[in-house]
Amino acid sequence: MTMFVNLNGKAHEIKAGLSLINLIADLGLSERKAIAIALNGEVLKKGDYARIILSEGDSLEIVKAIGGGS
């Protein structure tokens, strides 16, 4: 069974009952250290990712930091 969440402004189909930590892995972001995630407008602590189970219609914003400069 699947469901939809809003991921960075677009509908994204995921497995029902998926945890946030598993979504991060599915997106290939597990090894990234510099990411920030907001769930339904609330910025999350990295330590909470494993305990959060996503629900139909959740809104996620995932931001990846990019280094650089002049």
C-alpha atoms as a PDB file:
ATOM      1  CA  MET A   1       0.000   0.000   0.000  1.00  0.00           C
ATOM      2  CA  THR A   2       1.257   3.489  -0.817  1.00  0.00           C
ATOM      3  CA  MET A   3       0.447   7.052   0.130  1.00  0.00           C
ATOM      4  CA  PHE A   4       1.452  10.545  -0.932  1.00  0.00           C
ATOM      5  CA  VAL A   5       3.447  13.171   0.919  1.00  0.00           C
ATOM      6  CA  ASN A   6       4.405  16.630  -0.275  1.00  0.00           C
ATOM      7  CA  LEU A   7       8.195  16.649  -0.717  1.00  0.00           C
ATOM      8  CA  ASN A   8       9.757  20.029  -1.480  1.00  0.00           C
ATOM      9  CA  GLY A   9       6.534  21.234  -3.044  1.00  0.00           C
ATOM     10  CA  LYS A  10       5.749  18.149  -5.146  1.00  0.00           C
ATOM     11  CA  ALA A  11       3.597  15.076  -4.555  1.00  0.00           C
ATOM     12  CA  HIS A  12       5.800  12.076  -3.814  1.00  0.00           C
ATOM     13  CA  GLU A  13       4.503   8.510  -3.537  1.00  0.00           C
ATOM     14  CA  ILE A  14       5.923   6.452  -0.674  1.00  0.00           C
ATOM     15  CA  LYS A  15       5.193   3.167   1.086  1.00  0.00           C
ATOM     16  CA  ALA A  16       2.512   3.538   3.777  1.00  0.00           C
ATOM     17  CA  GLY A  17       3.980   3.549   7.283  1.00  0.00           C
ATOM     18  CA  LEU A  18       7.433   4.606   6.082  1.00  0.00           C
ATOM     19  CA  SER A  19       9.693   6.203   8.686  1.00  0.00           C
ATOM     20  CA  LEU A  20      11.498   9.432   7.947  1.00  0.00           C
ATOM     21  CA  ILE A  21      14.879   7.722   8.312  1.00  0.00           C
ATOM     22  CA  ASN A  22      13.861   5.182   5.639  1.00  0.00           C
ATOM     23  CA  LEU A  23      12.679   7.947   3.317  1.00  0.00           C
ATOM     24  CA  ILE A  24      16.053   9.644   3.730  1.00  0.00           C
ATOM     25  CA  ALA A  25      17.733   6.356   2.763  1.00  0.00           C
ATOM     26  CA  ASP A  26      15.372   5.866  -0.208  1.00  0.00           C
ATOM     27  CA  LEU A  27      16.300   9.355  -1.438  1.00  0.00           C
ATOM     28  CA  GLY A  28      20.011   8.534  -1.208  1.00  0.00           C
ATOM     29  CA  LEU A  29      20.641  11.102   1.511  1.00  0.00           C
ATOM     30  CA  SER A  30      21.776   8.809   4.342  1.00  0.00           C
ATOM     31  CA  GLU A  31      25.420   9.733   3.979  1.00  0.00           C
ATOM     32  CA  ARG A  32      24.764  13.475   3.810  1.00  0.00           C
ATOM     33  CA  LYS A  33      25.649  15.192   7.052  1.00  0.00           C
ATOM     34  CA  ALA A  34      24.469  18.680   6.130  1.00  0.00           C
ATOM     35  CA  ILE A  35      20.733  18.355   5.609  1.00  0.00           C
ATOM     36  CA  ALA A  36      17.849  20.010   7.417  1.00  0.00           C
ATOM     37  CA  ILE A  37      14.303  18.687   7.397  1.00  0.00           C
ATOM     38  CA  ALA A  38      11.033  20.397   8.255  1.00  0.00           C
ATOM     39  CA  LEU A  39       7.903  18.278   8.710  1.00  0.00           C
ATOM     40  CA  ASN A  40       4.628  20.167   8.453  1.00  0.00           C
ATOM     41  CA  GLY A  41       6.473  23.437   9.089  1.00  0.00           C
ATOM     42  CA  GLU A  42       8.479  22.244  12.114  1.00  0.00           C
ATOM     43  CA  VAL A  43      12.256  21.869  11.809  1.00  0.00           C
ATOM     44  CA  LEU A  44      13.284  18.461  13.137  1.00  0.00           C
ATOM     45  CA  LYS A  45      16.268  17.335  15.173  1.00  0.00           C
ATOM     46  CA  LYS A  46      18.369  14.693  13.447  1.00  0.00           C
ATOM     47  CA  GLY A  47      17.978  12.408  16.464  1.00  0.00           C
ATOM     48  CA  ASP A  48      14.202  12.315  15.880  1.00  0.00           C
ATOM     49  CA  TYR A  49      14.320  11.061  12.269  1.00  0.00           C
ATOM     50  CA  ALA A  50      14.143   7.351  13.183  1.00  0.00           C
ATOM     51  CA  ARG A  51      11.056   7.656  15.400  1.00  0.00           C
ATOM     52  CA  ILE A  52       8.931   9.672  12.965  1.00  0.00           C
ATOM     53  CA  ILE A  53       6.441   7.691  10.890  1.00  0.00           C
ATOM     54  CA  LEU A  54       5.124   9.636   7.923  1.00  0.00           C
ATOM     55  CA  SER A  55       1.406  10.058   7.300  1.00  0.00           C
ATOM     56  CA  GLU A  56      -0.664  10.669   4.191  1.00  0.00           C
ATOM     57  CA  GLY A  57      -0.479  14.339   3.211  1.00  0.00           C
ATOM     58  CA  ASP A  58       2.548  15.236   5.363  1.00  0.00           C
ATOM     59  CA  SER A  59       4.561  18.146   4.015  1.00  0.00           C
ATOM     60  CA  LEU A  60       8.351  17.769   4.022  1.00  0.00           C
ATOM     61  CA  GLU A  61      11.028  20.260   3.108  1.00  0.00           C
ATOM     62  CA  ILE A  62      14.516  18.802   2.783  1.00  0.00           C
ATOM     63  CA  VAL A  63      17.379  21.243   2.360  1.00  0.00           C
ATOM     64  CA  LYS A  64      20.917  20.128   1.483  1.00  0.00           C
ATOM     65  CA  ALA A  65      23.758  22.477   2.399  1.00  0.00           C
ATOM     66  CA  ILE A  66      26.242  23.123  -0.373  1.00  0.00           C
ATOM     67  CA  GLY A  67      29.748  24.301   0.456  1.00  0.00           C
ATOM     68  CA  GLY A  68      31.722  26.755  -1.558  1.00  0.00           C
ATOM     69  CA  GLY A  69      32.427  30.396  -1.814  1.00  0.00           C
ATOM     70  CA  SER A  70      35.067  32.745  -3.026  1.00  0.00           C
END
